[in-house]
């Protein structure tokens, strides 16, 4: 639900996802299919419409050696905290990739390597409601490693490259390479982490890429309350450069989890006009009981470099403050109810980015999500 402001009309609709999962599993073999239908009620003036009928996942997984597995087919890809690669469970369509994934897992070390590719997908439904059709890469290569150094420290690395067909220059391709790591420290009530990535290669304009991403965070838990204080820093550029792009781009990670439920900043670098983004945040999580939890997320948004106003003068880098309030209730094992309410106190910069029409108004967004995940049939054959 979106409430009205000067620049936006009120909007209310219902999105429903029906998903059926089928799994056959033996000691060294797993076959899995996850079929879904996304239904829209009251969207775009229609009482009822189908957003998509598709397969979220469809894969075979088998052991090929001791501690070594392979997964072949369409599959979700969730790595680390989901910032670089996420299966986007909160989105109705979710996100998956088609390819081969090799896993190796032994004691303190777990690693996997993914090769994914795209093809021409049917255009019967909108790409926005497909878990795969929005991907633009020709080839995606991903290596992920997680190593538990000791009881307190964990190191995670993600290195990947994606290759695209260049529509601006027919017959040519462009690619980006991303190298990054996360170091985590954890004890009973305290946690800190530093996550950093360097991005290079070329973009669709055949400019060299020289960009970075940094995320420091600390958190502490006191009884039933957890406080998380951190920031995301994504590089940008003060002015366009004909030779080099310093704007960091994220294509396969989740945005709302880090930059607010209202999704003002989800596509990079387009959503910040290549000016970079600094996002200090404070998350407060309160566990009210076994079934009820409350959460308040606060974000401050700044561009790394000033935007230009209608007179080509430099504007302030501060964009605004977003507050996301949510409630999660699990009345039964297979039932989850999630309610959220968000608002943004915007500054002039949000107008310059085209996010809102009037910074004097307060955009408000709210949602109610009910999830029911029953297990219809479970059969286990026991050897006599």
Protein backbone atom coordinates (compact mmCIF):
# COMPACT_ATOMS: atom_id res chain seq x y z
CA UNK A 1 0.00 0.00 0.00
CA UNK A 2 1.30 3.46 -0.93
CA UNK A 3 -0.38 6.52 0.57
CA UNK A 4 -0.77 9.75 -1.44
CA UNK A 5 1.62 12.70 -1.59
CA UNK A 6 1.65 15.66 -3.97
CA UNK A 7 3.51 13.67 -6.60
CA UNK A 8 1.93 10.24 -6.20
CA UNK A 9 -1.60 8.86 -6.24
CA UNK A 10 -2.62 6.35 -3.56
CA UNK A 11 -2.19 2.73 -4.55
CA UNK A 12 -3.46 -0.50 -3.02
CA UNK A 13 -3.28 -4.03 -4.39
CA UNK A 14 -2.75 -7.62 -3.29
CA UNK A 15 0.05 -9.84 -4.59
CA UNK A 16 -0.33 -13.56 -3.93
CA UNK A 17 2.31 -16.24 -4.46
CA UNK A 18 1.32 -19.89 -4.60
CA UNK A 19 4.36 -22.17 -4.48
CA UNK A 20 4.46 -25.97 -4.60
CA UNK A 21 7.69 -27.73 -3.66
CA UNK A 22 8.42 -31.34 -4.58
CA UNK A 23 11.55 -33.10 -3.28
CA UNK A 24 12.86 -36.63 -3.71
CA UNK A 25 15.95 -37.42 -1.65
CA UNK A 26 18.22 -40.36 -1.04
CA UNK A 27 21.64 -40.61 0.59
CA UNK A 28 23.63 -39.14 -2.34
CA UNK A 29 20.85 -37.83 -4.57
CA UNK A 30 18.32 -35.00 -4.40
CA UNK A 31 15.73 -34.00 -6.99
CA UNK A 32 13.86 -30.77 -6.30
CA UNK A 33 11.18 -28.77 -8.10
CA UNK A 34 9.62 -25.56 -6.81
CA UNK A 35 6.73 -24.37 -8.98
CA UNK A 36 5.05 -21.03 -8.41
CA UNK A 37 2.19 -18.86 -9.61
CA UNK A 38 2.11 -15.15 -8.83
CA UNK A 39 -1.38 -13.67 -8.78
CA UNK A 40 -2.30 -9.98 -8.66
CA UNK A 41 -5.55 -8.61 -7.26
CA UNK A 42 -6.56 -5.02 -7.98
CA UNK A 43 -3.33 -4.16 -9.84
CA UNK A 44 -3.49 -1.67 -12.75
CA UNK A 45 -7.28 -1.49 -12.58
CA UNK A 46 -7.78 -5.24 -13.06
CA UNK A 47 -9.68 -7.30 -10.54
CA UNK A 48 -7.52 -10.35 -11.15
CA UNK A 49 -4.47 -11.12 -13.29
CA UNK A 50 -1.63 -13.62 -13.46
CA UNK A 51 1.82 -12.14 -12.98
CA UNK A 52 3.68 -15.33 -13.83
CA UNK A 53 3.57 -19.12 -13.84
CA UNK A 54 7.11 -20.38 -13.52
CA UNK A 55 9.61 -22.63 -11.78
CA UNK A 56 11.59 -20.96 -9.03
CA UNK A 57 13.90 -23.97 -8.71
CA UNK A 58 14.33 -27.14 -10.74
CA UNK A 59 17.54 -29.03 -10.06
CA UNK A 60 19.36 -32.30 -9.47
CA UNK A 61 21.98 -32.58 -6.73
CA UNK A 62 24.27 -35.55 -6.30
CA UNK A 63 27.52 -36.54 -4.62
CA UNK A 64 30.45 -37.14 -6.98
CA UNK A 65 33.14 -37.82 -4.36
CA UNK A 66 33.65 -37.62 -0.62
CA UNK A 67 32.75 -34.09 0.57
CA UNK A 68 32.07 -33.05 -3.05
CA UNK A 69 28.62 -32.40 -4.56
CA UNK A 70 27.25 -31.00 -7.78
CA UNK A 71 23.93 -29.22 -8.32
CA UNK A 72 22.63 -28.85 -11.89
CA UNK A 73 19.65 -26.77 -13.04
CA UNK A 74 17.72 -23.69 -11.93
CA UNK A 75 18.60 -22.81 -8.33
CA UNK A 76 18.58 -19.96 -5.83
CA UNK A 77 21.96 -18.48 -4.96
CA UNK A 78 22.35 -17.04 -1.46
CA UNK A 79 25.92 -16.21 -0.44
CA UNK A 80 27.12 -14.70 2.84
CA UNK A 81 24.74 -11.96 4.03
CA UNK A 82 22.97 -11.66 0.67
CA UNK A 83 24.47 -8.30 -0.32
CA UNK A 84 26.22 -9.56 -3.46
CA UNK A 85 24.09 -12.65 -4.14
CA UNK A 86 20.62 -13.27 -2.76
CA UNK A 87 17.73 -15.57 -3.63
CA UNK A 88 15.47 -12.60 -2.76
CA UNK A 89 12.95 -14.55 -0.63
CA UNK A 90 11.00 -11.40 0.21
CA UNK A 91 10.22 -10.71 -3.46
CA UNK A 92 7.27 -12.70 -4.75
CA UNK A 93 9.19 -14.03 -7.76
CA UNK A 94 12.42 -14.58 -5.77
CA UNK A 95 15.67 -14.90 -7.76
CA UNK A 96 17.44 -17.91 -9.21
CA UNK A 97 20.10 -18.77 -11.79
CA UNK A 98 20.46 -21.57 -14.33
CA UNK A 99 23.72 -23.49 -14.32
CA UNK A 100 26.07 -25.84 -12.47
CA UNK A 101 27.30 -25.45 -8.91
CA UNK A 102 30.07 -27.50 -7.29
CA UNK A 103 30.28 -27.77 -3.47
CA UNK A 104 33.12 -28.87 -1.21
CA UNK A 105 32.61 -28.98 2.55
CA UNK A 106 35.01 -30.27 5.17
CA UNK A 107 35.32 -29.32 8.82
CA UNK A 108 36.22 -25.60 8.98
CA UNK A 109 36.22 -24.99 5.21
CA UNK A 110 33.26 -24.74 2.83
CA UNK A 111 33.60 -23.58 -0.75
CA UNK A 112 31.56 -23.64 -3.96
CA UNK A 113 31.94 -22.61 -7.60
CA UNK A 114 29.03 -21.64 -9.86
CA UNK A 115 28.79 -21.40 -13.65
CA UNK A 116 25.50 -19.83 -14.81
CA UNK A 117 24.19 -18.66 -18.17
CA UNK A 118 21.02 -17.14 -19.60
CA UNK A 119 18.89 -17.95 -22.63
CA UNK A 120 15.91 -16.47 -24.42
CA UNK A 121 13.00 -16.70 -22.01
CA UNK A 122 9.32 -16.71 -23.04
CA UNK A 123 7.73 -13.26 -23.03
CA UNK A 124 4.23 -14.37 -22.10
CA UNK A 125 4.65 -12.78 -18.66
CA UNK A 126 6.49 -9.70 -17.42
CA UNK A 127 10.17 -10.26 -16.68
CA UNK A 128 9.65 -8.55 -13.31
CA UNK A 129 7.63 -11.57 -12.12
CA UNK A 130 10.17 -14.15 -13.28
CA UNK A 131 13.01 -15.44 -11.07
CA UNK A 132 15.41 -15.51 -14.05
CA UNK A 133 14.17 -13.39 -16.98
CA UNK A 134 15.48 -10.10 -15.56
CA UNK A 135 19.11 -11.32 -15.75
CA UNK A 136 21.10 -9.73 -18.56
CA UNK A 137 24.40 -11.56 -18.34
CA UNK A 138 25.56 -14.10 -20.91
CA UNK A 139 27.86 -15.90 -18.50
CA UNK A 140 28.33 -15.69 -14.73
CA UNK A 141 31.23 -17.26 -12.80
CA UNK A 142 31.18 -17.20 -8.97
CA UNK A 143 33.57 -18.57 -6.36
CA UNK A 144 32.55 -18.50 -2.69
CA UNK A 145 34.62 -19.64 0.28
CA UNK A 146 33.94 -19.66 4.01
CA UNK A 147 36.65 -20.54 6.52
CA UNK A 148 36.20 -20.71 10.29
CA UNK A 149 39.56 -19.49 11.62
CA UNK A 150 38.70 -20.24 15.25
CA UNK A 151 35.71 -20.05 17.58
CA UNK A 152 35.52 -16.25 17.21
CA UNK A 153 36.75 -15.38 13.70
CA UNK A 154 35.31 -16.33 10.30
CA UNK A 155 36.59 -15.30 6.87
CA UNK A 156 34.34 -15.27 3.79
CA UNK A 157 35.46 -14.48 0.24
CA UNK A 158 33.35 -13.97 -2.89
CA UNK A 159 34.98 -13.49 -6.29
CA UNK A 160 32.90 -13.32 -9.44
CA UNK A 161 32.79 -12.08 -13.00
CA UNK A 162 29.84 -11.52 -15.32
CA UNK A 163 29.94 -11.12 -19.11
CA UNK A 164 27.27 -9.20 -21.03
CA UNK A 165 26.32 -8.72 -24.67
CA UNK A 166 26.82 -4.99 -25.34
CA UNK A 167 23.63 -3.55 -26.84
CA UNK A 168 25.30 -0.15 -27.26
CA UNK A 169 28.03 -1.67 -29.42
CA UNK A 170 26.65 -4.65 -31.40
CA UNK A 171 29.06 -7.53 -31.67
CA UNK A 172 30.98 -6.54 -28.55
CA UNK A 173 30.77 -7.73 -24.96
CA UNK A 174 31.57 -6.09 -21.65
CA UNK A 175 32.46 -7.61 -18.31
CA UNK A 176 33.05 -6.75 -14.67
CA UNK A 177 35.19 -8.49 -12.06
CA UNK A 178 34.48 -8.33 -8.34
CA UNK A 179 36.88 -9.39 -5.59
CA UNK A 180 35.87 -9.12 -1.96
CA UNK A 181 35.93 -10.57 1.52
CA UNK A 182 34.27 -10.34 4.91
CA UNK A 183 35.94 -10.78 8.29
CA UNK A 184 33.64 -11.51 11.24
CA UNK A 185 34.19 -11.65 14.98
CA UNK A 186 31.55 -13.17 17.24
CA UNK A 187 31.19 -14.03 20.90
CA UNK A 188 28.11 -14.60 23.04
CA UNK A 189 26.73 -11.03 22.99
CA UNK A 190 29.01 -9.01 20.72
CA UNK A 191 29.68 -9.05 16.98
CA UNK A 192 31.63 -6.98 14.49
CA UNK A 193 32.34 -7.33 10.79
CA UNK A 194 34.07 -5.59 7.91
CA UNK A 195 32.97 -6.32 4.36
CA UNK A 196 34.80 -4.86 1.34
CA UNK A 197 34.74 -5.33 -2.45
CA UNK A 198 36.71 -3.95 -5.37
CA UNK A 199 35.07 -3.83 -8.81
CA UNK A 200 36.89 -3.45 -12.10
CA UNK A 201 36.56 -4.34 -15.79
CA UNK A 202 34.35 -2.46 -18.27
CA UNK A 203 30.79 -1.14 -18.37
CA UNK A 204 28.32 -0.98 -21.25
CA UNK A 205 29.89 2.30 -22.46
CA UNK A 206 33.25 0.49 -22.62
CA UNK A 207 34.61 2.67 -19.81
CA UNK A 208 37.08 1.16 -17.38
CA UNK A 209 35.55 0.41 -13.97
CA UNK A 210 37.39 1.39 -10.79
CA UNK A 211 34.91 1.17 -7.90
CA UNK A 212 34.60 -0.06 -4.31
CA UNK A 213 32.11 -1.06 -1.63
CA UNK A 214 32.70 -1.08 2.16
CA UNK A 215 30.40 -2.17 4.98
CA UNK A 216 31.52 -2.01 8.63
CA UNK A 217 29.07 -3.10 11.36
CA UNK A 218 29.03 -3.76 15.09
CA UNK A 219 26.19 -5.28 17.09
CA UNK A 220 25.48 -6.09 20.70
CA UNK A 221 22.71 -8.06 22.39
CA UNK A 222 21.30 -7.17 25.81
CA UNK A 223 18.74 -9.65 27.10
CA UNK A 224 15.99 -9.59 24.43
CA UNK A 225 17.23 -6.57 22.44
CA UNK A 226 19.88 -6.44 19.72
CA UNK A 227 21.42 -3.20 18.41
CA UNK A 228 23.17 -3.15 15.03
CA UNK A 229 25.14 -0.05 14.03
CA UNK A 230 26.85 0.15 10.66
CA UNK A 231 27.15 1.81 7.28
CA UNK A 232 27.28 1.02 3.60
CA UNK A 233 29.64 3.04 1.42
CA UNK A 234 29.36 2.69 -2.36
CA UNK A 235 31.77 4.65 -4.51
CA UNK A 236 30.65 7.13 -7.14
CA UNK A 237 32.02 10.03 -9.14
CA UNK A 238 31.92 13.81 -8.87
CA UNK A 239 31.41 14.26 -12.62
CA UNK A 240 31.19 11.97 -15.65
CA UNK A 241 34.55 10.76 -16.94
CA UNK A 242 34.92 9.66 -20.55
CA UNK A 243 37.49 7.03 -19.62
CA UNK A 244 36.73 5.66 -16.13
CA UNK A 245 33.58 4.81 -14.14
CA UNK A 246 33.98 4.90 -10.37
CA UNK A 247 30.40 3.86 -9.64
CA UNK A 248 29.95 0.54 -7.86
CA UNK A 249 27.14 -1.63 -9.19
CA UNK A 250 25.23 -4.44 -7.44
CA UNK A 251 23.12 -6.69 -9.68
CA UNK A 252 22.32 -9.88 -7.78
CA UNK A 253 22.08 -8.87 -4.12
CA UNK A 254 19.18 -7.79 -1.97
CA UNK A 255 18.67 -4.03 -1.47
CA UNK A 256 15.85 -3.55 1.06
CA UNK A 257 17.67 -5.58 3.74
CA UNK A 258 20.39 -2.92 3.88
CA UNK A 259 18.96 0.27 2.36
CA UNK A 260 15.38 0.39 3.53
CA UNK A 261 12.06 -1.28 2.83
CA UNK A 262 10.87 1.55 0.58
CA UNK A 263 13.42 0.52 -2.07
CA UNK A 264 14.41 4.05 -3.06
CA UNK A 265 17.93 2.73 -3.66
CA UNK A 266 17.88 -0.65 -5.38
CA UNK A 267 19.55 -0.18 -8.79
CA UNK A 268 23.14 0.99 -8.81
CA UNK A 269 24.54 3.28 -10.03
CA UNK A 270 21.33 4.52 -11.71
CA UNK A 271 19.40 5.27 -8.50
CA UNK A 272 22.06 7.73 -7.29
CA UNK A 273 22.96 9.22 -10.68
CA UNK A 274 26.46 7.69 -10.34
CA UNK A 275 27.21 10.00 -7.37
CA UNK A 276 27.88 7.20 -4.87
CA UNK A 277 25.93 6.51 -1.69
CA UNK A 278 26.71 6.53 2.03
CA UNK A 279 24.11 4.83 4.22
CA UNK A 280 24.69 4.91 8.00
CA UNK A 281 22.10 2.72 9.74
CA UNK A 282 20.88 1.63 13.15
CA UNK A 283 18.74 -1.50 13.51
CA UNK A 284 16.99 -2.33 16.79
CA UNK A 285 15.50 -5.82 17.15
CA UNK A 286 13.36 -6.80 20.13
CA UNK A 287 12.20 -10.35 20.83
CA UNK A 288 8.94 -9.89 22.72
CA UNK A 289 8.32 -13.61 23.09
CA UNK A 290 8.64 -16.96 21.39
CA UNK A 291 6.16 -15.94 18.69
CA UNK A 292 6.46 -12.14 18.47
CA UNK A 293 9.36 -9.89 17.47
CA UNK A 294 9.55 -6.15 16.75
CA UNK A 295 12.07 -4.24 14.67
CA UNK A 296 12.96 -0.60 13.92
CA UNK A 297 15.44 0.26 11.14
CA UNK A 298 16.76 3.82 10.76
CA UNK A 299 18.72 5.03 7.72
CA UNK A 300 20.47 8.26 6.81
CA UNK A 301 21.24 8.70 3.12
CA UNK A 302 24.04 10.80 1.62
CA UNK A 303 25.57 10.94 -1.83
CA UNK A 304 29.34 10.66 -1.88
CA UNK A 305 29.53 13.68 -4.18
CA UNK A 306 27.10 16.64 -4.45
CA UNK A 307 24.33 16.54 -7.02
CA UNK A 308 23.65 19.47 -9.34
CA UNK A 309 20.41 21.46 -9.11
CA UNK A 310 18.42 23.09 -11.92
CA UNK A 311 20.89 26.01 -11.93
CA UNK A 312 23.87 23.63 -12.12
CA UNK A 313 24.81 24.60 -8.57
CA UNK A 314 26.06 22.02 -6.09
CA UNK A 315 23.36 20.72 -3.74
CA UNK A 316 23.83 19.24 -0.28
CA UNK A 317 24.89 15.60 -0.14
CA UNK A 318 22.27 14.74 2.52
CA UNK A 319 19.25 13.05 0.92
CA UNK A 320 16.99 12.14 3.83
CA UNK A 321 16.01 9.83 6.68
CA UNK A 322 14.03 6.60 6.34
CA UNK A 323 12.43 4.72 9.22
CA UNK A 324 11.13 1.15 8.79
CA UNK A 325 8.99 -0.34 11.55
CA UNK A 326 7.97 -3.99 11.40
CA UNK A 327 6.27 -6.70 13.41
CA UNK A 328 6.70 -10.44 12.93
CA UNK A 329 4.27 -12.92 14.49
CA UNK A 330 4.31 -16.72 14.22
CA UNK A 331 1.02 -18.02 15.68
CA UNK A 332 1.69 -21.53 14.36
CA UNK A 333 4.71 -23.47 13.13
CA UNK A 334 3.84 -23.04 9.45
CA UNK A 335 2.23 -19.58 9.63
CA UNK A 336 4.11 -16.28 9.57
CA UNK A 337 2.53 -12.79 9.70
CA UNK A 338 4.67 -9.77 8.89
CA UNK A 339 3.47 -6.15 9.05
CA UNK A 340 5.56 -3.15 8.08
CA UNK A 341 5.20 0.63 8.04
CA UNK A 342 7.82 2.95 6.52
CA UNK A 343 8.21 6.67 5.91
CA UNK A 344 10.83 8.99 4.45
CA UNK A 345 11.73 12.53 5.53
CA UNK A 346 13.29 13.75 2.31
CA UNK A 347 15.59 16.58 1.31
CA UNK A 348 16.08 18.40 -1.99
CA UNK A 349 18.47 15.74 -3.25
CA UNK A 350 15.66 13.19 -3.50
CA UNK A 351 13.90 15.53 -5.93
CA UNK A 352 17.07 15.92 -7.99
CA UNK A 353 17.35 12.13 -8.22
CA UNK A 354 13.73 11.91 -9.39
CA UNK A 355 12.69 9.80 -6.41
CA UNK A 356 9.94 12.18 -5.29
CA UNK A 357 8.36 15.33 -6.71
CA UNK A 358 8.07 17.37 -3.52
CA UNK A 359 10.55 17.04 -0.65
CA UNK A 360 8.05 18.83 1.60
CA UNK A 361 5.74 15.82 1.51
CA UNK A 362 6.32 12.56 3.41
CA UNK A 363 6.07 9.36 1.36
CA UNK A 364 4.56 6.48 3.34
CA UNK A 365 4.55 2.79 2.49
CA UNK A 366 3.00 -0.14 4.32
CA UNK A 367 2.54 -3.85 3.77
CA UNK A 368 0.97 -6.93 5.34
CA UNK A 369 2.39 -10.33 4.40
CA UNK A 370 0.88 -13.64 5.47
CA UNK A 371 2.84 -16.82 4.72
CA UNK A 372 1.46 -20.34 5.10
CA UNK A 373 3.87 -23.20 4.38
CA UNK A 374 2.17 -26.55 4.98
CA UNK A 375 3.85 -29.90 4.41
CA UNK A 376 1.25 -31.84 2.44
CA UNK A 377 3.04 -35.17 2.27
CA UNK A 378 6.21 -36.56 3.83
CA UNK A 379 7.16 -40.15 3.19
CA UNK A 380 10.30 -41.80 4.57
CA UNK A 381 11.17 -45.37 3.79
CA UNK A 382 12.82 -47.14 6.71
CA UNK A 383 15.05 -50.10 6.00
CA UNK A 384 14.23 -53.20 8.02
